[in-house]
Structure formats: C-alpha cells, structure tokens
Amino acid sequence: MTAQVIKKKFVHDIKDYIAIAFGLAVYAMSWTAFMLPYGITTGGLTGISAIIFYATGFEMQMFYFLVNVVLLAFALKILGWKFCAKTVYAVVLLTIFLKVGQIIMTDETGEFKLILGEGQNFMASFVGAILCGIGVGICFTANGSTGGTDIIAAIINKYRDMSLGRVILIADILIIGSSYFVFHDITRMLFGYVTMVIMSASLDFYVNSARQSVQVMIFSYKYEEIADYINHVINRGVTVLNGMGWYSKHESKVLVVLARKNDATNLLHAIKQIDPNAFVSMSRVVGVYGQGFDKIKEK
C-alpha cells in the first residue's frame, strides 16, 4: 500500500471510532435522561444492570463493565480481534458515558432530574427506546457494539439468518419478564416491554437502511489508483473488466464494485479526488451475498 492509501485507511478507521463514540453517547443519554429517572428497564445487559441498580443501588455501569469482560473473553475467538477491539473501546467508553450522564442528571440530593416532568413514564419509555435503538444501530453500522447481549446477537447473526433486532428481542423478553420476580410490579414490566418493542424496531430500521448495497461501475484511465483505494480503504473487492468505447474505438478498463450504501459517499468523493473526469454508474441491488457482505445462512 502507498503512504496515501495507508493514510486514507487510517482516516476511515478513525471515522468508525468517532461514529461508535457518537452512538454510545446517544445510547447513554437515553438511559441517564429518560430510562433511569423514570424507573424504566428493558432488556440487554444494561437492562439487567438497571434492575440490579434499582434493587440494590449497585452502580449499573460497574456491573455492565464486569460482565462484559467475561463475555469478551469468549467472543474473541468467534468474532475476531477487530470486532472485539472496537467492542472493548465501546464498553470502556459507555461505562464512562453512563457515569458522566448520571452525574449530570442528578441534583444535589442525588435524585434524578425528571426532564419530562412527573408522571411521564410512557413518553420517557418511548423517547428512550428510540434513542437506544438509534444509538445501538450507529454502533453496529460502524462494526462496533455496545457489548452485553449485542455480543451474543452478533455471534448468532454470524451463523444464522436472524436479524440483530430479533435476537436481541428474544433475549429482552426473558430479561424483562424476570424483572417481575424482583419488583413484583406488572406496570414496570409492561413499560419494559413497550420500550423493548420500540427499541427493536428502531434498531432494525436503522441497520437495514444502512446495510443496503449498491453496484458501481467506474470508467477511468486512473483505474489502478481508484482500485487500490477501494481495496485498502473501503475494504471492498474490485473486478476489472476490459472495455472499448465504440465511438472512439479506445480500449479502457471498467471497475465493477459492490459496496454498502453508506460507503457510496466516500467512494464517490475518492473517485472525484483521483479522477474528476471519471464516468460512474451507480445502481441499487436487492441483495449481495458472499465475502464481506451477508452470508447465505441455514434457517
């Protein structure tokens, strides 16, 4: 790889880490501003941590951090170091964000501030669920994770044709249902289920939108430089076809690329920087299966 390509790859990775940090900030805000102040729980490891926090006062971020250490030890071999590196980064960052968020959202007496006012439990669960789903979705599309049941969902999704939201939904049903045996409060359990459904729908909507794929055909005399960028920075394969302009009778190379929709902007920007005169055709595809994309999985 050339120095320029290495630099662009570094910038691309940095953008992923920034996106993960932003997603975690949204996720932490949903918990500390809407869920915890109104006594709402949901599924996932953060849900379990919240239940323990409500019952014992043990800081949820500490329980969340300790359990993730154990889960990551198992996930390293299955999901690979790249996924786990970003997950470790996410777990540490979310632990900090949850702590900072609770400090901001508590008053001098240590009580949570109710920013929506008294008795707004449903609205708090609705807004909190949407923010939770979007926050987790941002992390997933940047190849990151919030840890906990996200790790379990990623493992199952790797081998089975089940959406991330569906896996988390099943785990959340069990977790929220178990909260009744702790609090003996069916209202709190029902709010948890409402939050779970909205969060799952928000997560699937965001992730599925971001995972749409496009097919790009690039006609350029600087095809080698463009192909190197796509290989080493965007991490996508490139097929080089032989072509000839019928009017000019000049031979040329045509690059065919299948990429995620969220990679298209970076790809077009790079093509413009490398060869402003390049001719580009882009079209949506229904599905892409194979290395680097979705796998054809057993039911």
Protein backbone atom coordinates (compact mmCIF):
# COMPACT_ATOMS: atom_id res chain seq x y z
CA MET A 1 0.00 0.00 0.00
CA THR A 2 1.15 3.51 -0.74
CA ALA A 3 1.54 6.08 2.01
CA GLN A 4 -1.51 7.92 0.72
CA VAL A 5 -3.68 4.78 0.83
CA ILE A 6 -2.46 3.96 4.36
CA LYS A 7 -3.35 7.49 5.45
CA LYS A 8 -6.84 7.20 3.93
CA LYS A 9 -7.38 3.81 5.61
CA PHE A 10 -6.36 5.34 8.94
CA VAL A 11 -8.83 8.19 8.44
CA HIS A 12 -11.56 5.67 7.51
CA ASP A 13 -10.94 3.70 10.74
CA ILE A 14 -10.94 6.89 12.79
CA LYS A 15 -14.36 7.76 11.37
CA ASP A 16 -15.66 4.38 12.56
CA TYR A 17 -14.41 5.03 16.09
CA ILE A 18 -15.96 8.51 16.08
CA ALA A 19 -19.27 7.05 14.88
CA ILE A 20 -19.17 4.44 17.66
CA ALA A 21 -18.49 7.15 20.24
CA PHE A 22 -21.44 9.19 18.97
CA GLY A 23 -23.73 6.14 19.04
CA LEU A 24 -22.68 5.36 22.60
CA ALA A 25 -23.30 8.96 23.65
CA VAL A 26 -26.86 8.72 22.27
CA TYR A 27 -27.36 5.35 23.98
CA ALA A 28 -26.04 6.60 27.33
CA MET A 29 -28.21 9.72 27.10
CA SER A 30 -31.31 7.58 26.54
CA TRP A 31 -30.59 5.71 29.77
CA THR A 32 -29.49 8.54 32.03
CA ALA A 33 -32.02 11.14 30.81
CA PHE A 34 -35.12 9.02 30.20
CA MET A 35 -34.89 5.44 31.48
CA LEU A 36 -33.23 5.60 34.90
CA PRO A 37 -35.01 8.76 36.13
CA TYR A 38 -38.41 7.19 35.45
CA GLY A 39 -37.53 3.73 36.77
CA ILE A 40 -37.88 2.07 33.36
CA THR A 41 -35.95 -1.03 32.46
CA THR A 42 -35.55 -3.02 29.28
CA GLY A 43 -33.56 -5.99 28.06
CA GLY A 44 -29.89 -6.49 27.41
CA LEU A 45 -27.02 -6.33 29.83
CA THR A 46 -27.78 -2.68 30.55
CA GLY A 47 -31.32 -3.75 31.44
CA ILE A 48 -30.01 -6.35 33.87
CA SER A 49 -27.62 -3.74 35.27
CA ALA A 50 -30.52 -1.30 35.72
CA ILE A 51 -32.59 -3.93 37.56
CA ILE A 52 -29.69 -4.57 39.93
CA PHE A 53 -29.25 -0.80 40.36
CA TYR A 54 -32.93 -0.32 41.25
CA ALA A 55 -32.89 -3.25 43.68
CA THR A 56 -29.52 -2.77 45.41
CA GLY A 57 -28.12 0.64 44.43
CA PHE A 58 -25.04 -1.00 42.90
CA GLU A 59 -23.81 1.25 40.08
CA MET A 60 -25.12 -0.10 36.78
CA GLN A 61 -22.03 0.87 34.79
CA MET A 62 -19.77 -1.19 37.06
CA PHE A 63 -21.90 -4.33 36.74
CA TYR A 64 -22.12 -3.75 32.99
CA PHE A 65 -18.34 -3.43 32.73
CA LEU A 66 -17.52 -6.53 34.79
CA VAL A 67 -19.89 -8.85 32.90
CA ASN A 68 -18.61 -7.58 29.55
CA VAL A 69 -15.08 -8.55 30.49
CA VAL A 70 -16.26 -12.16 30.77
CA LEU A 71 -18.29 -12.06 27.53
CA LEU A 72 -15.42 -10.56 25.55
CA ALA A 73 -13.13 -13.37 26.64
CA PHE A 74 -15.48 -15.83 24.87
CA ALA A 75 -16.19 -13.60 21.85
CA LEU A 76 -12.56 -13.00 20.90
CA LYS A 77 -12.11 -16.36 19.15
CA ILE A 78 -15.52 -16.36 17.42
CA LEU A 79 -15.86 -12.76 16.26
CA GLY A 80 -12.22 -11.88 15.78
CA TRP A 81 -9.91 -9.26 17.21
CA LYS A 82 -11.23 -6.41 15.04
CA PHE A 83 -14.80 -6.72 16.37
CA CYS A 84 -13.56 -7.21 19.93
CA ALA A 85 -11.12 -4.29 19.74
CA LYS A 86 -13.97 -1.96 18.87
CA THR A 87 -16.19 -3.61 21.48
CA VAL A 88 -13.58 -3.11 24.22
CA TYR A 89 -13.36 0.52 23.13
CA ALA A 90 -17.16 0.76 23.24
CA VAL A 91 -17.50 -0.94 26.64
CA VAL A 92 -14.95 1.36 28.27
CA LEU A 93 -16.47 4.45 26.65
CA LEU A 94 -20.07 3.51 27.52
CA THR A 95 -19.05 2.84 31.13
CA ILE A 96 -17.65 6.37 31.29
CA PHE A 97 -20.66 7.91 29.48
CA LEU A 98 -23.13 6.22 31.84
CA LYS A 99 -21.26 7.54 34.86
CA VAL A 100 -20.98 11.08 33.47
CA GLY A 101 -24.63 11.03 32.38
CA GLN A 102 -25.79 10.08 35.86
CA ILE A 103 -23.72 12.87 37.38
CA ILE A 104 -25.29 15.39 35.01
CA MET A 105 -28.83 14.09 35.51
CA THR A 106 -28.82 14.07 39.32
CA ASP A 107 -29.36 17.03 41.64
CA GLU A 108 -27.59 17.99 44.86
CA THR A 109 -29.56 15.37 46.84
CA GLY A 110 -28.60 12.57 44.46
CA GLU A 111 -32.10 12.28 42.97
CA PHE A 112 -32.60 12.02 39.21
CA LYS A 113 -33.95 15.07 37.36
CA LEU A 114 -37.27 14.43 35.61
CA ILE A 115 -36.79 16.46 32.43
CA LEU A 116 -40.21 15.48 31.06
CA GLY A 117 -42.00 16.22 34.32
CA GLU A 118 -43.83 13.98 36.77
CA GLY A 119 -45.87 11.03 35.52
CA GLN A 120 -44.43 10.97 32.00
CA ASN A 121 -43.31 7.36 32.16
CA PHE A 122 -44.79 6.37 28.81
CA MET A 123 -43.26 9.32 26.96
CA ALA A 124 -39.92 8.63 28.68
CA SER A 125 -40.01 4.98 27.61
CA PHE A 126 -40.97 5.97 24.04
CA VAL A 127 -38.22 8.58 23.58
CA GLY A 128 -35.66 6.49 25.45
CA ALA A 129 -36.40 3.41 23.32
CA ILE A 130 -35.97 5.28 20.03
CA LEU A 131 -32.68 6.79 21.18
CA CYS A 132 -31.49 3.38 22.42
CA GLY A 133 -32.26 1.77 19.06
CA ILE A 134 -30.58 4.53 17.08
CA GLY A 135 -27.52 4.51 19.35
CA VAL A 136 -27.05 0.75 19.02
CA GLY A 137 -27.69 0.97 15.27
CA ILE A 138 -24.97 3.58 14.81
CA CYS A 139 -22.52 1.31 16.65
CA PHE A 140 -23.44 -1.75 14.58
CA THR A 141 -23.11 0.03 11.23
CA ALA A 142 -19.62 1.17 12.26
CA ASN A 143 -18.77 -2.50 13.03
CA GLY A 144 -18.91 -1.81 16.74
CA SER A 145 -21.09 -2.95 19.61
CA THR A 146 -22.39 -1.82 22.97
CA GLY A 147 -21.34 -5.16 24.43
CA GLY A 148 -23.56 -7.41 26.53
CA THR A 149 -26.33 -9.14 24.57
CA ASP A 150 -25.08 -7.32 21.45
CA ILE A 151 -22.10 -9.68 21.54
CA ILE A 152 -24.41 -12.69 21.79
CA ALA A 153 -26.57 -11.29 18.96
CA ALA A 154 -23.52 -10.75 16.74
CA ILE A 155 -22.38 -14.36 17.33
CA ILE A 156 -25.82 -15.80 16.45
CA ASN A 157 -26.19 -13.46 13.46
CA LYS A 158 -22.86 -14.73 12.13
CA TYR A 159 -24.20 -18.28 11.79
CA ARG A 160 -27.97 -17.92 11.47
CA ASP A 161 -30.25 -15.85 9.25
CA MET A 162 -31.73 -13.85 12.13
CA SER A 163 -31.70 -10.06 12.28
CA LEU A 164 -29.82 -8.39 15.11
CA GLY A 165 -33.04 -6.85 16.38
CA ARG A 166 -34.79 -10.23 16.51
CA VAL A 167 -32.02 -11.87 18.53
CA ILE A 168 -31.97 -9.00 20.99
CA LEU A 169 -35.79 -9.11 21.12
CA ILE A 170 -35.79 -12.75 22.28
CA ALA A 171 -33.18 -12.06 24.96
CA ASP A 172 -35.06 -8.96 26.10
CA ILE A 173 -38.35 -10.86 26.53
CA LEU A 174 -36.66 -13.18 29.02
CA ILE A 175 -34.80 -10.44 30.84
CA ILE A 176 -37.77 -8.09 31.21
CA GLY A 177 -40.04 -10.96 32.24
CA SER A 178 -37.63 -11.88 35.02
CA SER A 179 -37.83 -8.33 36.40
CA TYR A 180 -41.32 -9.10 37.73
CA PHE A 181 -39.86 -11.59 40.20
CA VAL A 182 -37.59 -8.83 41.52
CA PHE A 183 -40.06 -5.91 41.76
CA HIS A 184 -43.46 -7.70 41.72
CA ASP A 185 -44.71 -4.74 39.65
CA ILE A 186 -46.51 -5.60 36.42
CA THR A 187 -46.65 -1.93 35.35
CA ARG A 188 -42.88 -1.62 35.36
CA MET A 189 -42.61 -4.88 33.43
CA LEU A 190 -45.12 -3.67 30.80
CA PHE A 191 -43.22 -0.41 30.32
CA GLY A 192 -40.14 -2.53 29.79
CA TYR A 193 -41.88 -4.49 27.02
CA VAL A 194 -43.06 -1.28 25.33
CA THR A 195 -39.51 0.02 25.40
CA MET A 196 -38.19 -3.27 24.05
CA VAL A 197 -40.52 -3.34 21.03
CA ILE A 198 -39.84 0.28 20.04
CA MET A 199 -36.09 -0.14 20.50
CA SER A 200 -36.01 -3.32 18.40
CA ALA A 201 -37.96 -1.66 15.58
CA SER A 202 -35.70 1.41 15.67
CA LEU A 203 -32.58 -0.75 15.60
CA ASP A 204 -33.73 -2.86 12.64
CA PHE A 205 -34.88 0.20 10.69
CA TYR A 206 -31.57 1.99 11.16
CA VAL A 207 -29.33 -1.03 10.50
CA ASN A 208 -31.28 -2.30 7.49
CA SER A 209 -31.27 1.16 5.93
CA ALA A 210 -27.51 1.44 6.37
CA ARG A 211 -26.85 -2.10 5.05
CA GLN A 212 -28.43 -1.53 1.65
CA SER A 213 -25.97 -2.28 -1.15
CA VAL A 214 -25.13 -0.60 -4.43
CA GLN A 215 -23.34 -1.66 -7.62
CA VAL A 216 -20.89 0.87 -9.04
CA MET A 217 -19.30 0.80 -12.49
CA ILE A 218 -16.32 3.13 -12.90
CA PHE A 219 -14.78 4.11 -16.24
CA SER A 220 -11.41 5.80 -15.68
CA TYR A 221 -7.86 5.84 -17.03
CA LYS A 222 -6.70 6.04 -13.39
CA TYR A 223 -8.40 2.75 -12.59
CA GLU A 224 -5.38 1.34 -10.71
CA GLU A 225 -5.29 4.15 -8.18
CA ILE A 226 -9.05 4.01 -7.69
CA ALA A 227 -8.98 0.20 -7.31
CA ASP A 228 -6.20 0.43 -4.69
CA TYR A 229 -8.24 2.92 -2.68
CA ILE A 230 -11.35 0.73 -2.79
CA ASN A 231 -9.37 -2.37 -1.76
CA HIS A 232 -7.34 -0.88 1.07
CA VAL A 233 -9.51 1.92 2.46
CA ILE A 234 -13.13 0.91 1.84
CA ASN A 235 -12.19 -2.78 2.14
CA ARG A 236 -14.24 -3.91 -0.86
CA GLY A 237 -13.32 -6.12 -3.77
CA VAL A 238 -12.97 -4.74 -7.28
CA THR A 239 -13.44 -6.54 -10.59
CA VAL A 240 -11.59 -5.12 -13.60
CA LEU A 241 -13.24 -5.61 -16.98
CA ASN A 242 -11.85 -4.88 -20.42
CA GLY A 243 -13.91 -2.38 -22.37
CA MET A 244 -13.84 -0.28 -25.52
CA GLY A 245 -15.64 2.93 -26.39
CA TRP A 246 -17.43 2.17 -29.65
CA TYR A 247 -17.36 5.77 -30.84
CA SER A 248 -13.71 6.49 -30.01
CA LYS A 249 -12.54 2.89 -30.51
CA HIS A 250 -10.25 3.41 -27.50
CA GLU A 251 -9.75 0.48 -25.12
CA SER A 252 -10.39 1.16 -21.45
CA LYS A 253 -10.76 -0.59 -18.10
CA VAL A 254 -14.04 -0.76 -16.23
CA LEU A 255 -14.15 -1.27 -12.46
CA VAL A 256 -17.16 -3.09 -11.01
CA VAL A 257 -17.68 -2.65 -7.26
CA LEU A 258 -20.33 -3.89 -4.85
CA ALA A 259 -20.44 -1.77 -1.71
CA ARG A 260 -22.66 -0.81 1.17
CA LYS A 261 -24.86 2.23 0.63
CA ASN A 262 -23.11 4.07 3.47
CA ASP A 263 -19.76 3.55 1.65
CA ALA A 264 -21.06 5.15 -1.55
CA THR A 265 -20.45 8.74 -0.47
CA ASN A 266 -16.83 8.04 0.46
CA LEU A 267 -16.37 6.11 -2.78
CA LEU A 268 -17.73 8.90 -4.99
CA HIS A 269 -15.68 11.51 -3.14
CA ALA A 270 -12.50 9.45 -3.66
CA ILE A 271 -13.21 8.97 -7.37
CA LYS A 272 -13.70 12.72 -7.78
CA GLN A 273 -10.41 13.43 -6.00
CA ILE A 274 -8.45 10.85 -8.02
CA ASP A 275 -10.03 11.40 -11.43
CA PRO A 276 -12.56 14.25 -11.85
CA ASN A 277 -13.20 13.07 -15.43
CA ALA A 278 -14.20 9.53 -14.43
CA PHE A 279 -17.56 8.23 -15.65
CA VAL A 280 -19.53 6.50 -12.89
CA SER A 281 -22.76 4.49 -12.96
CA MET A 282 -24.43 3.51 -9.67
CA SER A 283 -27.49 1.33 -9.10
CA ARG A 284 -29.15 -0.32 -6.14
CA VAL A 285 -29.13 -4.09 -5.75
CA VAL A 286 -31.65 -6.24 -3.93
CA GLY A 287 -29.07 -8.30 -2.04
CA VAL A 288 -25.39 -9.16 -2.01
CA TYR A 289 -24.12 -12.45 -0.57
CA GLY A 290 -20.55 -13.60 -0.15
CA GLN A 291 -17.31 -12.48 1.41
CA GLY A 292 -17.59 -9.07 3.03
CA PHE A 293 -21.39 -8.99 2.71
CA ASP A 294 -24.28 -11.08 4.01
CA LYS A 295 -23.90 -14.83 4.19
CA ILE A 296 -26.36 -17.36 2.85
CA LYS A 297 -27.32 -18.94 6.15
CA GLU A 298 -29.25 -22.00 7.15
CA LYS A 299 -32.67 -21.43 8.59
